[in-house]
PDB file of N, CA and C in Angstrom:
ATOM      1  N   MET A   1      24.024 -45.606  70.086  1.00  0.00           N
ATOM      2  CA  MET A   1      25.026 -44.490  69.973  1.00  0.00           C
ATOM      3  C   MET A   1      25.994 -45.082  68.761  1.00  0.00           C
ATOM      4  N   TYR A   2      26.170 -46.293  68.429  1.00  0.00           N
ATOM      5  CA  TYR A   2      27.003 -46.850  67.480  1.00  0.00           C
ATOM      6  C   TYR A   2      26.161 -47.089  66.340  1.00  0.00           C
ATOM      7  N   GLU A   3      26.539 -46.551  65.198  1.00  0.00           N
ATOM      8  CA  GLU A   3      25.942 -46.881  63.928  1.00  0.00           C
ATOM      9  C   GLU A   3      26.500 -47.880  63.013  1.00  0.00           C
ATOM     10  N   ASN A   4      25.857 -48.803  62.635  1.00  0.00           N
ATOM     11  CA  ASN A   4      26.530 -49.782  61.540  1.00  0.00           C
ATOM     12  C   ASN A   4      26.537 -49.282  60.147  1.00  0.00           C
ATOM     13  N   TYR A   5      27.666 -49.534  59.692  1.00  0.00           N
ATOM     14  CA  TYR A   5      27.904 -48.995  58.005  1.00  0.00           C
ATOM     15  C   TYR A   5      27.210 -49.976  57.253  1.00  0.00           C
ATOM     16  N   GLN A   6      26.553 -49.625  56.388  1.00  0.00           N
ATOM     17  CA  GLN A   6      25.964 -50.596  55.247  1.00  0.00           C
ATOM     18  C   GLN A   6      26.205 -49.984  54.103  1.00  0.00           C
ATOM     19  N   LYS A   7      26.679 -50.744  52.993  1.00  0.00           N
ATOM     20  CA  LYS A   7      26.921 -50.443  51.674  1.00  0.00           C
ATOM     21  C   LYS A   7      25.515 -50.329  50.799  1.00  0.00           C
ATOM     22  N   GLU A   8      25.606 -49.342  50.142  1.00  0.00           N
ATOM     23  CA  GLU A   8      24.505 -49.005  49.277  1.00  0.00           C
ATOM     24  C   GLU A   8      24.579 -49.780  47.904  1.00  0.00           C
ATOM     25  N   ILE A   9      25.904 -49.492  47.330  1.00  0.00           N
ATOM     26  CA  ILE A   9      26.310 -50.128  46.229  1.00  0.00           C
ATOM     27  C   ILE A   9      27.476 -51.104  46.379  1.00  0.00           C
ATOM     28  N   THR A  10      27.209 -52.182  45.739  1.00  0.00           N
ATOM     29  CA  THR A  10      28.439 -53.218  45.859  1.00  0.00           C
ATOM     30  C   THR A  10      29.530 -52.690  44.858  1.00  0.00           C
ATOM     31  N   VAL A  11      30.682 -53.064  45.237  1.00  0.00           N
ATOM     32  CA  VAL A  11      31.713 -52.757  44.505  1.00  0.00           C
ATOM     33  C   VAL A  11      32.110 -53.920  43.777  1.00  0.00           C
ATOM     34  N   GLN A  12      32.328 -53.609  42.397  1.00  0.00           N
ATOM     35  CA  GLN A  12      32.601 -54.851  41.548  1.00  0.00           C
ATOM     36  C   GLN A  12      34.146 -54.627  41.401  1.00  0.00           C
ATOM     37  N   ASP A  13      34.634 -55.992  41.364  1.00  0.00           N
ATOM     38  CA  ASP A  13      36.029 -56.045  41.153  1.00  0.00           C
ATOM     39  C   ASP A  13      36.423 -55.835  39.849  1.00  0.00           C
ATOM     40  N   LYS A  14      37.658 -55.460  39.360  1.00  0.00           N
ATOM     41  CA  LYS A  14      37.690 -55.107  38.013  1.00  0.00           C
ATOM     42  C   LYS A  14      38.499 -56.461  37.407  1.00  0.00           C
ATOM     43  N   THR A  15      38.207 -56.401  36.111  1.00  0.00           N
ATOM     44  CA  THR A  15      38.685 -57.592  35.287  1.00  0.00           C
ATOM     45  C   THR A  15      40.198 -57.539  35.275  1.00  0.00           C
ATOM     46  N   GLU A  16      40.932 -58.583  34.849  1.00  0.00           N
ATOM     47  CA  GLU A  16      42.464 -58.594  34.698  1.00  0.00           C
ATOM     48  C   GLU A  16      42.872 -57.895  33.678  1.00  0.00           C
ATOM     49  N   ASP A  17      42.092 -57.660  32.594  1.00  0.00           N
ATOM     50  CA  ASP A  17      42.393 -56.663  31.651  1.00  0.00           C
ATOM     51  C   ASP A  17      42.193 -55.306  32.166  1.00  0.00           C
ATOM     52  N   GLU A  18      41.214 -54.895  32.671  1.00  0.00           N
ATOM     53  CA  GLU A  18      41.192 -53.521  33.361  1.00  0.00           C
ATOM     54  C   GLU A  18      42.347 -53.206  34.120  1.00  0.00           C
ATOM     55  N   LYS A  19      42.544 -54.116  34.977  1.00  0.00           N
ATOM     56  CA  LYS A  19      43.788 -53.882  35.671  1.00  0.00           C
ATOM     57  C   LYS A  19      44.874 -53.662  34.867  1.00  0.00           C
ATOM     58  N   LYS A  20      45.437 -54.332  33.956  1.00  0.00           N
ATOM     59  CA  LYS A  20      46.434 -54.115  33.273  1.00  0.00           C
ATOM     60  C   LYS A  20      46.300 -52.816  32.395  1.00  0.00           C
ATOM     61  N   ALA A  21      45.180 -52.530  31.951  1.00  0.00           N
ATOM     62  CA  ALA A  21      44.999 -51.256  31.301  1.00  0.00           C
ATOM     63  C   ALA A  21      45.339 -50.096  32.078  1.00  0.00           C
ATOM     64  N   GLU A  22      44.897 -50.246  33.331  1.00  0.00           N
ATOM     65  CA  GLU A  22      45.148 -49.036  34.399  1.00  0.00           C
ATOM     66  C   GLU A  22      46.636 -48.989  34.656  1.00  0.00           C
ATOM     67  N   ILE A  23      47.192 -50.121  34.803  1.00  0.00           N
ATOM     68  CA  ILE A  23      48.663 -49.922  34.982  1.00  0.00           C
ATOM     69  C   ILE A  23      49.461 -49.387  33.751  1.00  0.00           C
ATOM     70  N   ILE A  24      48.944 -49.802  32.560  1.00  0.00           N
ATOM     71  CA  ILE A  24      49.791 -49.077  31.336  1.00  0.00           C
ATOM     72  C   ILE A  24      49.098 -47.586  31.449  1.00  0.00           C
ATOM     73  N   ILE A  25      48.074 -47.073  31.635  1.00  0.00           N
ATOM     74  CA  ILE A  25      47.922 -45.847  31.623  1.00  0.00           C
ATOM     75  C   ILE A  25      48.500 -45.028  32.530  1.00  0.00           C
ATOM     76  N   SER A  26      48.664 -45.545  33.850  1.00  0.00           N
ATOM     77  CA  SER A  26      49.332 -44.965  34.756  1.00  0.00           C
ATOM     78  C   SER A  26      50.909 -44.770  34.493  1.00  0.00           C
ATOM     79  N   LEU A  27      51.446 -45.999  33.928  1.00  0.00           N
ATOM     80  CA  LEU A  27      52.705 -45.932  33.381  1.00  0.00           C
ATOM     81  C   LEU A  27      53.107 -44.607  32.345  1.00  0.00           C
ATOM     82  N   ILE A  28      52.171 -44.391  31.463  1.00  0.00           N
ATOM     83  CA  ILE A  28      52.442 -43.541  30.716  1.00  0.00           C
ATOM     84  C   ILE A  28      52.344 -42.009  30.986  1.00  0.00           C
ATOM     85  N   LYS A  29      51.363 -41.871  32.028  1.00  0.00           N
ATOM     86  CA  LYS A  29      51.147 -40.578  32.998  1.00  0.00           C
ATOM     87  C   LYS A  29      52.452 -40.341  33.601  1.00  0.00           C
ATOM     88  N   ALA A  30      52.841 -41.331  34.376  1.00  0.00           N
ATOM     89  CA  ALA A  30      54.059 -41.151  34.984  1.00  0.00           C
ATOM     90  C   ALA A  30      55.188 -40.774  34.232  1.00  0.00           C
ATOM     91  N   LYS A  31      55.438 -41.300  33.170  1.00  0.00           N
ATOM     92  CA  LYS A  31      56.411 -41.086  32.277  1.00  0.00           C
ATOM     93  C   LYS A  31      56.228 -39.564  31.791  1.00  0.00           C
ATOM     94  N   LYS A  32      54.989 -39.136  31.456  1.00  0.00           N
ATOM     95  CA  LYS A  32      54.768 -37.752  31.099  1.00  0.00           C
ATOM     96  C   LYS A  32      55.025 -36.686  32.152  1.00  0.00           C
ATOM     97  N   GLU A  33      54.793 -37.071  33.607  1.00  0.00           N
ATOM     98  CA  GLU A  33      54.969 -36.287  34.667  1.00  0.00           C
ATOM     99  C   GLU A  33      56.601 -36.220  34.765  1.00  0.00           C
ATOM    100  N   LEU A  34      57.224 -37.206  34.554  1.00  0.00           N
ATOM    101  CA  LEU A  34      58.826 -37.092  34.736  1.00  0.00           C
ATOM    102  C   LEU A  34      59.376 -36.329  33.720  1.00  0.00           C
ATOM    103  N   ASN A  35      58.916 -36.498  32.502  1.00  0.00           N
ATOM    104  CA  ASN A  35      59.320 -35.602  31.473  1.00  0.00           C
ATOM    105  C   ASN A  35      59.107 -34.040  31.758  1.00  0.00           C
ATOM    106  N   LEU A  36      58.014 -33.682  32.165  1.00  0.00           N
ATOM    107  CA  LEU A  36      57.648 -32.474  32.464  1.00  0.00           C
ATOM    108  C   LEU A  36      58.267 -31.622  33.481  1.00  0.00           C
ATOM    109  N   ALA A  37      58.507 -32.819  34.778  1.00  0.00           N
ATOM    110  CA  ALA A  37      59.290 -32.209  35.951  1.00  0.00           C
ATOM    111  C   ALA A  37      60.879 -31.857  35.452  1.00  0.00           C
ATOM    112  N   THR A  38      61.464 -32.835  34.587  1.00  0.00           N
ATOM    113  CA  THR A  38      62.745 -32.594  33.979  1.00  0.00           C
ATOM    114  C   THR A  38      62.608 -31.238  33.108  1.00  0.00           C
ATOM    115  N   LYS A  39      61.719 -31.034  32.313  1.00  0.00           N
ATOM    116  CA  LYS A  39      62.080 -29.998  31.548  1.00  0.00           C
ATOM    117  C   LYS A  39      61.567 -28.710  32.551  1.00  0.00           C
ATOM    118  N   ASN A  40      60.832 -28.686  33.376  1.00  0.00           N
ATOM    119  CA  ASN A  40      60.622 -27.589  34.515  1.00  0.00           C
ATOM    120  C   ASN A  40      61.949 -27.503  35.119  1.00  0.00           C
ATOM    121  N   PHE A  41      62.607 -28.440  35.593  1.00  0.00           N
ATOM    122  CA  PHE A  41      63.973 -28.276  36.253  1.00  0.00           C
ATOM    123  C   PHE A  41      64.708 -27.653  35.439  1.00  0.00           C
ATOM    124  N   GLU A  42      65.019 -27.876  34.198  1.00  0.00           N
ATOM    125  CA  GLU A  42      65.937 -27.225  33.275  1.00  0.00           C
ATOM    126  C   GLU A  42      65.818 -25.743  33.243  1.00  0.00           C
ATOM    127  N   THR A  43      64.538 -25.307  33.396  1.00  0.00           N
ATOM    128  CA  THR A  43      64.411 -23.722  33.389  1.00  0.00           C
ATOM    129  C   THR A  43      64.181 -23.246  34.521  1.00  0.00           C
ATOM    130  N   ALA A  44      64.188 -23.881  35.675  1.00  0.00           N
ATOM    131  CA  ALA A  44      63.590 -23.399  37.033  1.00  0.00           C
ATOM    132  C   ALA A  44      64.639 -22.213  37.538  1.00  0.00           C
ATOM    133  N   GLU A  45      63.788 -21.346  38.272  1.00  0.00           N
ATOM    134  CA  GLU A  45      64.537 -20.284  38.979  1.00  0.00           C
ATOM    135  C   GLU A  45      65.106 -20.915  40.156  1.00  0.00           C
ATOM    136  N   ASP A  46      65.992 -20.020  40.972  1.00  0.00           N
ATOM    137  CA  ASP A  46      66.561 -20.597  42.112  1.00  0.00           C
ATOM    138  C   ASP A  46      65.737 -21.172  43.096  1.00  0.00           C
ATOM    139  N   GLY A  47      64.521 -20.215  43.405  1.00  0.00           N
ATOM    140  CA  GLY A  47      63.580 -20.989  44.561  1.00  0.00           C
ATOM    141  C   GLY A  47      62.930 -22.205  44.155  1.00  0.00           C
ATOM    142  N   LEU A  48      62.742 -22.500  42.795  1.00  0.00           N
ATOM    143  CA  LEU A  48      62.089 -23.811  42.584  1.00  0.00           C
ATOM    144  C   LEU A  48      62.927 -24.947  42.162  1.00  0.00           C
ATOM    145  N   ILE A  49      64.282 -24.940  42.402  1.00  0.00           N
ATOM    146  CA  ILE A  49      65.140 -26.116  41.856  1.00  0.00           C
ATOM    147  C   ILE A  49      64.985 -27.277  42.853  1.00  0.00           C
ATOM    148  N   ASP A  50      64.715 -26.946  44.321  1.00  0.00           N
ATOM    149  CA  ASP A  50      64.539 -28.079  45.267  1.00  0.00           C
ATOM    150  C   ASP A  50      63.222 -28.785  44.868  1.00  0.00           C
ATOM    151  N   TYR A  51      62.177 -27.895  44.487  1.00  0.00           N
ATOM    152  CA  TYR A  51      60.747 -28.414  44.299  1.00  0.00           C
ATOM    153  C   TYR A  51      60.952 -29.634  43.154  1.00  0.00           C
ATOM    154  N   TYR A  52      61.646 -29.099  41.905  1.00  0.00           N
ATOM    155  CA  TYR A  52      61.680 -29.939  40.858  1.00  0.00           C
ATOM    156  C   TYR A  52      62.414 -30.959  41.162  1.00  0.00           C
ATOM    157  N   THR A  53      63.329 -30.977  41.726  1.00  0.00           N
ATOM    158  CA  THR A  53      64.215 -32.077  42.054  1.00  0.00           C
ATOM    159  C   THR A  53      63.424 -33.069  42.952  1.00  0.00           C
ATOM    160  N   TYR A  54      62.533 -32.720  43.905  1.00  0.00           N
ATOM    161  CA  TYR A  54      61.750 -33.703  44.584  1.00  0.00           C
ATOM    162  C   TYR A  54      60.716 -34.294  43.667  1.00  0.00           C
ATOM    163  N   GLN A  55      60.067 -33.437  42.594  1.00  0.00           N
ATOM    164  CA  GLN A  55      58.920 -34.050  41.651  1.00  0.00           C
ATOM    165  C   GLN A  55      59.774 -35.028  40.741  1.00  0.00           C
ATOM    166  N   ILE A  56      60.994 -34.817  40.447  1.00  0.00           N
ATOM    167  CA  ILE A  56      61.883 -35.881  39.576  1.00  0.00           C
ATOM    168  C   ILE A  56      62.179 -36.991  40.349  1.00  0.00           C
ATOM    169  N   LYS A  57      62.528 -37.091  41.399  1.00  0.00           N
ATOM    170  CA  LYS A  57      62.694 -38.136  42.219  1.00  0.00           C
ATOM    171  C   LYS A  57      61.425 -39.078  42.674  1.00  0.00           C
ATOM    172  N   ALA A  58      60.367 -38.217  42.729  1.00  0.00           N
ATOM    173  CA  ALA A  58      59.111 -39.014  42.991  1.00  0.00           C
ATOM    174  C   ALA A  58      58.748 -39.556  41.705  1.00  0.00           C
ATOM    175  N   SER A  59      58.690 -38.998  40.703  1.00  0.00           N
ATOM    176  CA  SER A  59      58.278 -39.434  39.519  1.00  0.00           C
ATOM    177  C   SER A  59      59.017 -40.640  38.954  1.00  0.00           C
ATOM    178  N   LYS A  60      60.287 -40.764  39.381  1.00  0.00           N
ATOM    179  CA  LYS A  60      61.172 -41.847  39.080  1.00  0.00           C
ATOM    180  C   LYS A  60      60.701 -43.012  40.116  1.00  0.00           C
ATOM    181  N   SER A  61      60.566 -42.767  41.234  1.00  0.00           N
ATOM    182  CA  SER A  61      60.114 -43.953  42.098  1.00  0.00           C
ATOM    183  C   SER A  61      58.829 -44.348  41.720  1.00  0.00           C
ATOM    184  N   LYS A  62      57.850 -43.640  41.318  1.00  0.00           N
ATOM    185  CA  LYS A  62      56.479 -44.086  40.749  1.00  0.00           C
ATOM    186  C   LYS A  62      56.536 -44.870  39.631  1.00  0.00           C
ATOM    187  N   LEU A  63      57.567 -44.448  38.468  1.00  0.00           N
ATOM    188  CA  LEU A  63      57.677 -45.118  37.520  1.00  0.00           C
ATOM    189  C   LEU A  63      58.422 -46.456  37.763  1.00  0.00           C
ATOM    190  N   ASP A  64      59.315 -46.682  38.465  1.00  0.00           N
ATOM    191  CA  ASP A  64      60.002 -47.889  38.803  1.00  0.00           C
ATOM    192  C   ASP A  64      58.963 -48.819  39.514  1.00  0.00           C
ATOM    193  N   TYR A  65      58.077 -48.357  40.418  1.00  0.00           N
ATOM    194  CA  TYR A  65      57.190 -49.222  40.952  1.00  0.00           C
ATOM    195  C   TYR A  65      56.218 -49.767  39.770  1.00  0.00           C
ATOM    196  N   LEU A  66      55.643 -48.796  38.797  1.00  0.00           N
ATOM    197  CA  LEU A  66      54.639 -49.223  37.860  1.00  0.00           C
ATOM    198  C   LEU A  66      55.345 -50.227  36.821  1.00  0.00           C
ATOM    199  N   VAL A  67      56.723 -49.999  36.504  1.00  0.00           N
ATOM    200  CA  VAL A  67      57.383 -50.934  35.654  1.00  0.00           C
ATOM    201  C   VAL A  67      57.495 -52.201  36.437  1.00  0.00           C
ATOM    202  N   SER A  68      57.756 -52.429  37.714  1.00  0.00           N
ATOM    203  CA  SER A  68      57.706 -53.675  38.307  1.00  0.00           C
ATOM    204  C   SER A  68      56.502 -54.366  38.211  1.00  0.00           C
ATOM    205  N   LYS A  69      55.352 -53.610  38.550  1.00  0.00           N
ATOM    206  CA  LYS A  69      54.041 -54.136  38.533  1.00  0.00           C
ATOM    207  C   LYS A  69      53.675 -54.693  37.109  1.00  0.00           C
ATOM    208  N   ALA A  70      54.044 -53.866  36.189  1.00  0.00           N
ATOM    209  CA  ALA A  70      53.904 -54.516  34.717  1.00  0.00           C
ATOM    210  C   ALA A  70      54.546 -55.643  34.376  1.00  0.00           C
ATOM    211  N   ARG A  71      55.815 -55.705  35.105  1.00  0.00           N
ATOM    212  CA  ARG A  71      56.448 -57.071  34.877  1.00  0.00           C
ATOM    213  C   ARG A  71      55.922 -58.225  35.474  1.00  0.00           C
ATOM    214  N   ASP A  72      55.600 -57.840  36.634  1.00  0.00           N
ATOM    215  CA  ASP A  72      54.826 -59.062  37.573  1.00  0.00           C
ATOM    216  C   ASP A  72      53.564 -59.611  36.885  1.00  0.00           C
ATOM    217  N   LYS A  73      52.802 -58.611  35.935  1.00  0.00           N
ATOM    218  CA  LYS A  73      51.785 -59.107  35.286  1.00  0.00           C
ATOM    219  C   LYS A  73      51.902 -59.452  33.865  1.00  0.00           C
ATOM    220  N   GLY A  74      53.534 -59.717  33.582  1.00  0.00           N
ATOM    221  CA  GLY A  74      53.774 -60.139  32.281  1.00  0.00           C
ATOM    222  C   GLY A  74      53.459 -59.382  31.046  1.00  0.00           C
ATOM    223  N   LEU A  75      53.090 -58.000  31.292  1.00  0.00           N
ATOM    224  CA  LEU A  75      52.999 -56.980  30.031  1.00  0.00           C
ATOM    225  C   LEU A  75      54.215 -56.922  29.460  1.00  0.00           C
ATOM    226  N   SER A  76      54.119 -56.801  28.044  1.00  0.00           N
ATOM    227  CA  SER A  76      55.560 -56.386  27.270  1.00  0.00           C
ATOM    228  C   SER A  76      54.935 -55.061  26.395  1.00  0.00           C
ATOM    229  N   LEU A  77      55.834 -54.422  25.894  1.00  0.00           N
ATOM    230  CA  LEU A  77      55.558 -53.269  25.055  1.00  0.00           C
ATOM    231  C   LEU A  77      54.305 -53.354  24.164  1.00  0.00           C
ATOM    232  N   ASN A  78      54.368 -54.502  23.378  1.00  0.00           N
ATOM    233  CA  ASN A  78      53.248 -54.532  22.324  1.00  0.00           C
ATOM    234  C   ASN A  78      51.784 -54.853  23.056  1.00  0.00           C
ATOM    235  N   MET A  79      51.931 -55.579  24.260  1.00  0.00           N
ATOM    236  CA  MET A  79      50.685 -55.513  24.929  1.00  0.00           C
ATOM    237  C   MET A  79      50.118 -54.381  25.468  1.00  0.00           C
ATOM    238  N   ILE A  80      51.174 -53.344  25.810  1.00  0.00           N
ATOM    239  CA  ILE A  80      51.015 -52.266  26.517  1.00  0.00           C
ATOM    240  C   ILE A  80      50.127 -51.373  25.302  1.00  0.00           C
ATOM    241  N   GLU A  81      50.887 -51.214  24.413  1.00  0.00           N
ATOM    242  CA  GLU A  81      50.231 -50.658  23.263  1.00  0.00           C
ATOM    243  C   GLU A  81      48.738 -51.097  22.846  1.00  0.00           C
ATOM    244  N   GLU A  82      48.786 -52.374  22.664  1.00  0.00           N
ATOM    245  CA  GLU A  82      47.310 -52.974  22.656  1.00  0.00           C
ATOM    246  C   GLU A  82      46.213 -52.420  23.496  1.00  0.00           C
ATOM    247  N   ILE A  83      46.548 -52.751  24.499  1.00  0.00           N
ATOM    248  CA  ILE A  83      45.785 -52.307  25.812  1.00  0.00           C
ATOM    249  C   ILE A  83      45.379 -50.892  25.842  1.00  0.00           C
ATOM    250  N   TYR A  84      46.381 -50.083  25.690  1.00  0.00           N
ATOM    251  CA  TYR A  84      46.139 -48.592  25.757  1.00  0.00           C
ATOM    252  C   TYR A  84      45.160 -48.086  24.605  1.00  0.00           C
ATOM    253  N   PHE A  85      45.397 -48.597  23.436  1.00  0.00           N
ATOM    254  CA  PHE A  85      44.446 -48.321  22.397  1.00  0.00           C
ATOM    255  C   PHE A  85      43.124 -48.721  22.565  1.00  0.00           C
ATOM    256  N   LYS A  86      43.120 -50.069  22.906  1.00  0.00           N
ATOM    257  CA  LYS A  86      41.635 -50.544  23.176  1.00  0.00           C
ATOM    258  C   LYS A  86      41.069 -49.911  24.238  1.00  0.00           C
ATOM    259  N   LYS A  87      41.831 -49.422  25.289  1.00  0.00           N
ATOM    260  CA  LYS A  87      41.000 -48.713  26.374  1.00  0.00           C
ATOM    261  C   LYS A  87      40.647 -47.546  26.005  1.00  0.00           C
ATOM    262  N   ASN A  88      41.272 -46.667  25.037  1.00  0.00           N
ATOM    263  CA  ASN A  88      41.089 -45.433  24.677  1.00  0.00           C
ATOM    264  C   ASN A  88      40.252 -45.506  23.308  1.00  0.00           C
ATOM    265  N   GLN A  89      39.918 -46.422  23.081  1.00  0.00           N
ATOM    266  CA  GLN A  89      39.117 -46.812  21.805  1.00  0.00           C
ATOM    267  C   GLN A  89      39.689 -46.202  20.501  1.00  0.00           C
ATOM    268  N   VAL A  90      41.269 -46.123  20.278  1.00  0.00           N
ATOM    269  CA  VAL A  90      41.714 -45.685  19.170  1.00  0.00           C
ATOM    270  C   VAL A  90      41.776 -46.615  18.008  1.00  0.00           C
ATOM    271  N   VAL A  91      41.557 -47.912  18.383  1.00  0.00           N
ATOM    272  CA  VAL A  91      41.601 -48.670  17.364  1.00  0.00           C
ATOM    273  C   VAL A  91      41.102 -48.758  15.969  1.00  0.00           C
TER     274      VAL A  91
END
């Protein structure tokens, strides 16, 4: 009656550079989300004020968490820009 789970594909660990790039991209997205929620809050109608207040608080918490992760990894602004551009092949 019991089935054993078997992986069909092995999961590969990400390299340290890939992890750093993921943190940076998440930071950039979180900042955009915070800016958007703030702009929406400024023009919100009465029924949506609570919603955008919640979004702003959630975005700030996410951003604070990602900043602390970036600090733990030793990332700086210059490294952030370099990794972001390499990841997106903008260089």
